[in-house]
């Protein structure tokens, strides 16, 4: 399980009703019935948004951005921004939430600060969260669905904060030299749990600039590029007669079913059929 998902599971104190994480571990959907609690809050890199589905009551927060004292009702969401440390006292609440590693969005805390000291009710936020959850529960997710969904949520939060979204900076494409570096790094660490931070570091770039440059050069996000590179290697390994489970582990997938789903998305058929039909 990705580190962020493991952390959230630990914080709940008991098994959650369900979690779904993006493949790079940077986004986690969570459904849980929280008991009334109080304690310390805040994380340097994570944005957390929680939509109350049932329960609720008086919520108290005292953080670096200010104080929040309000009755939390079903249909309202609470937003905790990265770096906003402090203390809280929360009622029992049945919650659908999302946690986003904001290292890919370095300006998010500054833009959304006006939203941190009150509760909110917005049909767009609620609909996007519920659509993401329903898709994940039905195993009907397209590649990158959590990344796209989180981008919609951040865009909408910016609108609610009264911000006009800045145009995306135009980036120069990743150079051919850096693209080769990236491919060589992925090949050398194929079995490792790679994420966008590691990929950016491999070519000596800051995370968000790397993502934009890679997309400008290839039309692909870092996760899609990584997955396609691994799956094309896996296709060759399967043609050599290696077992699907062996290839899955060598390609960085501890779960063969997740490997099979990724292989099917990229290559168009199940890995077992690929090897059999080719032979």
Protein backbone atom coordinates (compact mmCIF):
# COMPACT_ATOMS: atom_id res chain seq x y z
CA UNK A 1 0.00 0.00 0.00
CA UNK A 2 1.41 3.47 -0.85
CA UNK A 3 2.87 5.44 2.06
CA UNK A 4 0.10 8.05 2.12
CA UNK A 5 -2.60 5.37 2.24
CA UNK A 6 -0.75 3.56 5.03
CA UNK A 7 -0.47 6.79 7.00
CA UNK A 8 -4.17 7.55 6.67
CA UNK A 9 -5.07 4.01 7.71
CA UNK A 10 -2.88 4.41 10.79
CA UNK A 11 -4.47 7.74 11.70
CA UNK A 12 -8.01 6.34 11.59
CA UNK A 13 -7.11 3.95 14.41
CA UNK A 14 -9.16 1.14 12.89
CA UNK A 15 -9.76 -0.30 9.40
CA UNK A 16 -11.43 2.23 7.11
CA UNK A 17 -14.59 1.36 5.19
CA UNK A 18 -12.46 1.62 2.07
CA UNK A 19 -9.46 3.31 0.49
CA UNK A 20 -8.34 3.76 -3.10
CA UNK A 21 -4.92 5.17 -4.00
CA UNK A 22 -3.47 6.43 -7.25
CA UNK A 23 -0.73 4.22 -8.63
CA UNK A 24 1.97 6.69 -7.62
CA UNK A 25 0.54 6.88 -4.08
CA UNK A 26 0.16 10.65 -4.15
CA UNK A 27 -3.66 10.70 -3.97
CA UNK A 28 -5.87 8.65 -1.67
CA UNK A 29 -9.65 8.40 -1.46
CA UNK A 30 -10.96 7.38 1.96
CA UNK A 31 -14.37 6.39 3.33
CA UNK A 32 -14.56 6.04 7.11
CA UNK A 33 -16.78 6.44 10.16
CA UNK A 34 -14.70 8.57 12.53
CA UNK A 35 -15.49 8.59 16.22
CA UNK A 36 -15.44 11.87 18.14
CA UNK A 37 -11.81 12.79 18.76
CA UNK A 38 -9.35 15.58 19.42
CA UNK A 39 -5.62 16.07 18.98
CA UNK A 40 -2.93 17.57 16.77
CA UNK A 41 -3.54 18.20 13.07
CA UNK A 42 -1.71 19.26 9.94
CA UNK A 43 0.84 17.87 7.49
CA UNK A 44 3.55 19.77 5.59
CA UNK A 45 2.70 18.32 2.15
CA UNK A 46 -0.90 17.10 2.20
CA UNK A 47 -4.16 18.78 1.35
CA UNK A 48 -7.08 16.97 2.98
CA UNK A 49 -10.72 17.47 2.09
CA UNK A 50 -13.46 15.70 4.03
CA UNK A 51 -17.14 15.63 3.00
CA UNK A 52 -19.54 14.73 5.82
CA UNK A 53 -22.06 12.09 4.71
CA UNK A 54 -23.74 11.49 8.08
CA UNK A 55 -23.27 12.33 11.74
CA UNK A 56 -21.57 15.61 12.52
CA UNK A 57 -21.74 18.15 15.28
CA UNK A 58 -19.57 20.94 16.66
CA UNK A 59 -16.12 21.18 15.03
CA UNK A 60 -13.28 23.20 16.59
CA UNK A 61 -9.92 23.90 14.94
CA UNK A 62 -7.12 26.26 15.96
CA UNK A 63 -4.31 26.42 13.38
CA UNK A 64 -1.70 28.78 11.98
CA UNK A 65 -4.32 30.15 9.54
CA UNK A 66 -6.89 30.92 12.23
CA UNK A 67 -9.80 29.41 14.17
CA UNK A 68 -12.78 27.45 12.95
CA UNK A 69 -15.81 26.90 15.20
CA UNK A 70 -18.92 25.68 13.45
CA UNK A 71 -21.50 22.93 13.35
CA UNK A 72 -20.47 20.33 10.78
CA UNK A 73 -23.56 19.05 8.95
CA UNK A 74 -23.90 16.31 6.28
CA UNK A 75 -23.20 17.79 2.86
CA UNK A 76 -20.54 20.18 4.14
CA UNK A 77 -16.81 19.71 3.63
CA UNK A 78 -13.80 20.73 5.67
CA UNK A 79 -10.48 21.64 4.08
CA UNK A 80 -7.08 21.28 5.79
CA UNK A 81 -4.24 22.85 3.82
CA UNK A 82 -0.63 21.63 3.74
CA UNK A 83 1.49 23.17 6.45
CA UNK A 84 -1.51 24.39 8.48
CA UNK A 85 -0.62 22.81 11.81
CA UNK A 86 -2.62 23.09 15.02
CA UNK A 87 -5.20 21.26 17.10
CA UNK A 88 -8.76 20.06 16.57
CA UNK A 89 -11.81 18.63 18.32
CA UNK A 90 -14.12 16.80 15.93
CA UNK A 91 -17.56 15.21 16.34
CA UNK A 92 -18.32 11.68 15.19
CA UNK A 93 -18.75 11.80 11.44
CA UNK A 94 -19.20 9.46 8.48
CA UNK A 95 -16.79 10.95 5.98
CA UNK A 96 -15.76 10.66 2.33
CA UNK A 97 -12.42 12.32 1.90
CA UNK A 98 -9.43 12.79 -0.33
CA UNK A 99 -5.79 13.45 0.55
CA UNK A 100 -3.52 14.97 -2.11
CA UNK A 101 0.26 15.23 -1.99
CA UNK A 102 0.64 18.88 -2.96
CA UNK A 103 4.32 18.76 -3.92
CA UNK A 104 2.96 18.67 -7.48
CA UNK A 105 0.98 21.86 -6.73
CA UNK A 106 3.43 24.08 -4.78
CA UNK A 107 1.19 27.20 -4.76
CA UNK A 108 -1.95 25.46 -3.53
CA UNK A 109 -1.76 26.52 0.14
CA UNK A 110 -1.35 30.19 -0.66
CA UNK A 111 -4.22 30.25 -3.17
CA UNK A 112 -6.69 28.36 -0.99
CA UNK A 113 -5.92 29.95 2.38
CA UNK A 114 -9.28 31.83 2.46
CA UNK A 115 -11.10 28.48 2.63
CA UNK A 116 -9.29 27.08 5.66
CA UNK A 117 -11.25 28.70 8.49
CA UNK A 118 -14.82 27.80 7.60
CA UNK A 119 -16.95 24.87 6.44
CA UNK A 120 -18.28 24.76 2.88
CA UNK A 121 -21.15 23.27 0.91
CA UNK A 122 -20.69 22.96 -2.84
CA UNK A 123 -22.51 20.60 -5.25
CA UNK A 124 -19.50 20.39 -7.61
CA UNK A 125 -17.09 19.24 -4.90
CA UNK A 126 -19.62 16.71 -3.60
CA UNK A 127 -20.41 15.37 -7.08
CA UNK A 128 -16.75 14.95 -8.07
CA UNK A 129 -15.86 13.17 -4.83
CA UNK A 130 -18.83 10.82 -5.10
CA UNK A 131 -18.14 10.11 -8.78
CA UNK A 132 -14.52 9.23 -7.99
CA UNK A 133 -15.64 6.94 -5.19
CA UNK A 134 -18.33 5.23 -7.29
CA UNK A 135 -15.87 4.65 -10.14
CA UNK A 136 -13.26 3.22 -7.79
CA UNK A 137 -15.77 0.94 -6.06
CA UNK A 138 -17.02 -0.38 -9.40
CA UNK A 139 -13.44 -0.91 -10.63
CA UNK A 140 -14.36 1.27 -13.62
CA UNK A 141 -11.44 3.67 -13.44
CA UNK A 142 -9.58 4.93 -16.47
CA UNK A 143 -5.81 5.50 -16.16
CA UNK A 144 -5.09 8.65 -14.20
CA UNK A 145 -8.70 9.05 -13.03
CA UNK A 146 -7.66 10.12 -9.51
CA UNK A 147 -5.13 12.60 -10.88
CA UNK A 148 -7.73 14.13 -13.20
CA UNK A 149 -10.34 14.18 -10.45
CA UNK A 150 -7.99 15.90 -8.01
CA UNK A 151 -7.17 18.52 -10.67
CA UNK A 152 -10.91 19.25 -11.03
CA UNK A 153 -11.24 19.54 -7.24
CA UNK A 154 -8.29 21.93 -6.98
CA UNK A 155 -9.66 24.03 -9.85
CA UNK A 156 -13.06 24.25 -8.16
CA UNK A 157 -11.51 25.10 -4.79
CA UNK A 158 -9.63 27.92 -6.50
CA UNK A 159 -12.94 29.23 -7.84
CA UNK A 160 -14.50 29.06 -4.38
CA UNK A 161 -11.52 30.95 -2.97
CA UNK A 162 -12.20 33.74 -5.45
CA UNK A 163 -9.12 33.07 -7.51
CA UNK A 164 -8.87 33.33 -11.28
CA UNK A 165 -6.83 30.28 -12.32
CA UNK A 166 -3.48 31.31 -13.74
CA UNK A 167 -2.68 29.98 -17.20
CA UNK A 168 -0.46 26.93 -17.16
CA UNK A 169 3.14 27.95 -17.75
CA UNK A 170 4.48 27.04 -21.17
CA UNK A 171 7.35 24.61 -20.68
CA UNK A 172 10.15 23.62 -22.99
CA UNK A 173 9.99 19.91 -23.85
CA UNK A 174 12.24 17.54 -21.95
CA UNK A 175 15.49 17.34 -23.91
CA UNK A 176 16.47 14.17 -25.77
CA UNK A 177 19.39 13.74 -23.37
CA UNK A 178 17.16 13.94 -20.29
CA UNK A 179 14.60 11.66 -21.93
CA UNK A 180 17.30 9.01 -22.39
CA UNK A 181 18.38 9.54 -18.79
CA UNK A 182 14.81 8.97 -17.67
CA UNK A 183 14.41 5.80 -19.73
CA UNK A 184 17.70 4.41 -18.45
CA UNK A 185 16.73 5.20 -14.86
CA UNK A 186 13.36 3.46 -15.21
CA UNK A 187 15.02 0.42 -16.80
CA UNK A 188 17.65 0.23 -14.04
CA UNK A 189 15.04 0.56 -11.27
CA UNK A 190 12.19 -1.25 -12.97
CA UNK A 191 11.30 -3.38 -9.95
CA UNK A 192 11.36 -0.45 -7.50
CA UNK A 193 8.38 1.54 -6.23
CA UNK A 194 9.03 4.61 -8.38
CA UNK A 195 7.07 7.85 -8.08
CA UNK A 196 7.15 11.24 -9.78
CA UNK A 197 9.54 12.63 -7.15
CA UNK A 198 12.10 9.92 -7.94
CA UNK A 199 11.67 10.38 -11.70
CA UNK A 200 12.16 14.14 -11.47
CA UNK A 201 15.27 13.69 -9.31
CA UNK A 202 16.71 11.23 -11.83
CA UNK A 203 16.93 14.02 -14.42
CA UNK A 204 17.77 16.79 -11.94
CA UNK A 205 14.50 18.70 -12.15
CA UNK A 206 11.87 20.12 -9.80
CA UNK A 207 8.73 17.96 -9.75
CA UNK A 208 6.15 20.25 -11.35
CA UNK A 209 8.60 21.53 -14.03
CA UNK A 210 9.53 17.93 -14.84
CA UNK A 211 5.89 16.93 -15.29
CA UNK A 212 5.23 19.81 -17.68
CA UNK A 213 8.43 19.21 -19.67
CA UNK A 214 7.74 15.49 -20.02
CA UNK A 215 4.19 16.13 -21.20
CA UNK A 216 5.47 18.71 -23.70
CA UNK A 217 7.97 16.17 -25.06
CA UNK A 218 5.84 13.02 -25.09
CA UNK A 219 2.21 14.01 -24.48
CA UNK A 220 2.26 11.76 -21.42
CA UNK A 221 2.14 12.34 -17.67
CA UNK A 222 5.01 10.88 -15.59
CA UNK A 223 2.79 7.99 -14.42
CA UNK A 224 1.65 7.11 -17.95
CA UNK A 225 5.23 7.32 -19.28
CA UNK A 226 6.50 5.06 -16.47
CA UNK A 227 3.71 2.54 -16.98
CA UNK A 228 4.17 2.35 -20.75
CA UNK A 229 7.94 1.91 -20.41
CA UNK A 230 7.43 -0.95 -17.96
CA UNK A 231 4.70 -2.63 -20.02
CA UNK A 232 6.71 -2.60 -23.25
CA UNK A 233 9.57 -4.27 -21.40
CA UNK A 234 7.10 -6.78 -19.92
CA UNK A 235 5.77 -7.62 -23.38
CA UNK A 236 9.25 -8.66 -24.49
CA UNK A 237 9.84 -10.64 -21.31
CA UNK A 238 6.58 -12.56 -21.80
CA UNK A 239 7.59 -13.44 -25.36
CA UNK A 240 10.69 -15.08 -23.88
CA UNK A 241 8.38 -17.47 -22.01
CA UNK A 242 8.70 -15.97 -18.53
CA UNK A 243 5.74 -16.47 -16.17
CA UNK A 244 3.28 -13.62 -15.68
CA UNK A 245 3.88 -13.42 -11.91
CA UNK A 246 7.64 -13.32 -12.41
CA UNK A 247 7.35 -10.54 -14.98
CA UNK A 248 4.92 -8.60 -12.77
CA UNK A 249 7.40 -8.61 -9.86
CA UNK A 250 10.28 -7.66 -12.15
CA UNK A 251 8.21 -4.75 -13.48
CA UNK A 252 7.58 -3.34 -9.99
CA UNK A 253 4.13 -4.84 -9.31
CA UNK A 254 3.72 -6.82 -6.11
CA UNK A 255 0.08 -7.43 -7.09
CA UNK A 256 -0.18 -9.50 -10.33
CA UNK A 257 -3.78 -8.39 -10.89
CA UNK A 258 -2.74 -4.71 -10.96
CA UNK A 259 0.05 -5.62 -13.36
CA UNK A 260 -2.45 -7.44 -15.60
CA UNK A 261 -4.79 -4.43 -15.60
CA UNK A 262 -1.94 -2.07 -16.52
CA UNK A 263 -0.68 -4.43 -19.23
CA UNK A 264 -4.17 -4.70 -20.73
CA UNK A 265 -4.53 -0.90 -20.83
CA UNK A 266 -1.21 -0.44 -22.64
CA UNK A 267 -0.92 -3.54 -24.83
CA UNK A 268 -4.61 -4.28 -25.47
CA UNK A 269 -4.83 -7.80 -24.06
CA UNK A 270 -4.12 -9.79 -20.91
CA UNK A 271 -0.45 -10.75 -20.36
CA UNK A 272 -1.33 -14.46 -20.39
CA UNK A 273 -2.93 -14.10 -23.83
CA UNK A 274 -0.01 -12.04 -25.13
CA UNK A 275 2.50 -14.76 -24.43
CA UNK A 276 0.26 -17.63 -25.54
CA UNK A 277 -0.84 -16.09 -28.84
CA UNK A 278 2.69 -15.04 -29.72
CA UNK A 279 3.99 -18.55 -29.13
